[in-house]
Every structure is written in C-alpha cells, then in structure tokens.
Amino acid sequence: MDENTREGTQESLPAAARRALAEAAERRRLAEAAAAAA
C-alpha cells in the first residue's frame, strides 16, 4: 500500500482512477457481504 500512497510517482490519472474505482467496488462488495451475513 505504500507504493499507492507515495508521492512523486509518475502514475497517470486514468490508472489512479481505475484503481480508485476498483477499491470502491471492493469496499461495496465487502459491505454488501457483511450486510447479508448480519
């Protein structure tokens, strides 16, 4: 996770946006799984 938060990288905006969307989708899936198990 350090490489994701380190500043000064040459990461492109599209790559950062794709990662952000993937992380949001994973959090939503985990939240839905937790709600279903509750």
C-alpha atoms as a PDB file:
ATOM      1  CA  MET A   1       0.000   0.000   0.000  1.00  0.00           C
ATOM      2  CA  ASP A   2       2.984   2.250   0.472  1.00  0.00           C
ATOM      3  CA  GLU A   3       3.587   2.390  -3.268  1.00  0.00           C
ATOM      4  CA  ASN A   4      -0.009   3.569  -3.707  1.00  0.00           C
ATOM      5  CA  THR A   5       0.307   6.468  -1.285  1.00  0.00           C
ATOM      6  CA  ARG A   6       3.895   7.532  -2.020  1.00  0.00           C
ATOM      7  CA  GLU A   7       4.051  10.969  -3.610  1.00  0.00           C
ATOM      8  CA  GLY A   8       6.167  11.834  -6.628  1.00  0.00           C
ATOM      9  CA  THR A   9       5.193   8.800  -8.693  1.00  0.00           C
ATOM     10  CA  GLN A  10       4.622   9.074 -12.445  1.00  0.00           C
ATOM     11  CA  GLU A  11       1.251   7.340 -12.271  1.00  0.00           C
ATOM     12  CA  SER A  12      -1.224   8.543 -14.880  1.00  0.00           C
ATOM     13  CA  LEU A  13      -4.625   9.876 -13.881  1.00  0.00           C
ATOM     14  CA  PRO A  14      -6.521   7.090 -15.709  1.00  0.00           C
ATOM     15  CA  ALA A  15      -4.540   4.459 -13.800  1.00  0.00           C
ATOM     16  CA  ALA A  16      -5.263   6.187 -10.495  1.00  0.00           C
ATOM     17  CA  ALA A  17      -8.947   6.477 -11.375  1.00  0.00           C
ATOM     18  CA  ARG A  18      -9.164   2.790 -12.308  1.00  0.00           C
ATOM     19  CA  ARG A  19      -7.562   1.812  -9.007  1.00  0.00           C
ATOM     20  CA  ALA A  20      -9.904   4.099  -7.067  1.00  0.00           C
ATOM     21  CA  LEU A  21     -12.934   2.590  -8.797  1.00  0.00           C
ATOM     22  CA  ALA A  22     -11.662  -0.935  -8.132  1.00  0.00           C
ATOM     23  CA  GLU A  23     -11.101  -0.137  -4.456  1.00  0.00           C
ATOM     24  CA  ALA A  24     -14.569   1.421  -4.159  1.00  0.00           C
ATOM     25  CA  ALA A  25     -16.139  -1.621  -5.823  1.00  0.00           C
ATOM     26  CA  GLU A  26     -14.322  -3.953  -3.435  1.00  0.00           C
ATOM     27  CA  ARG A  27     -15.421  -1.950  -0.386  1.00  0.00           C
ATOM     28  CA  ARG A  28     -19.018  -2.001  -1.641  1.00  0.00           C
ATOM     29  CA  ARG A  29     -18.869  -5.757  -2.214  1.00  0.00           C
ATOM     30  CA  LEU A  30     -17.463  -6.327   1.266  1.00  0.00           C
ATOM     31  CA  ALA A  31     -20.119  -4.062   2.779  1.00  0.00           C
ATOM     32  CA  GLU A  32     -22.891  -5.935   0.962  1.00  0.00           C
ATOM     33  CA  ALA A  33     -21.450  -9.278   2.107  1.00  0.00           C
ATOM     34  CA  ALA A  34     -21.319  -8.042   5.696  1.00  0.00           C
ATOM     35  CA  ALA A  35     -24.910  -6.798   5.493  1.00  0.00           C
ATOM     36  CA  ALA A  36     -26.056 -10.123   4.062  1.00  0.00           C
ATOM     37  CA  ALA A  37     -24.314 -12.014   6.852  1.00  0.00           C
ATOM     38  CA  ALA A  38     -25.750  -9.763   9.549  1.00  0.00           C
END
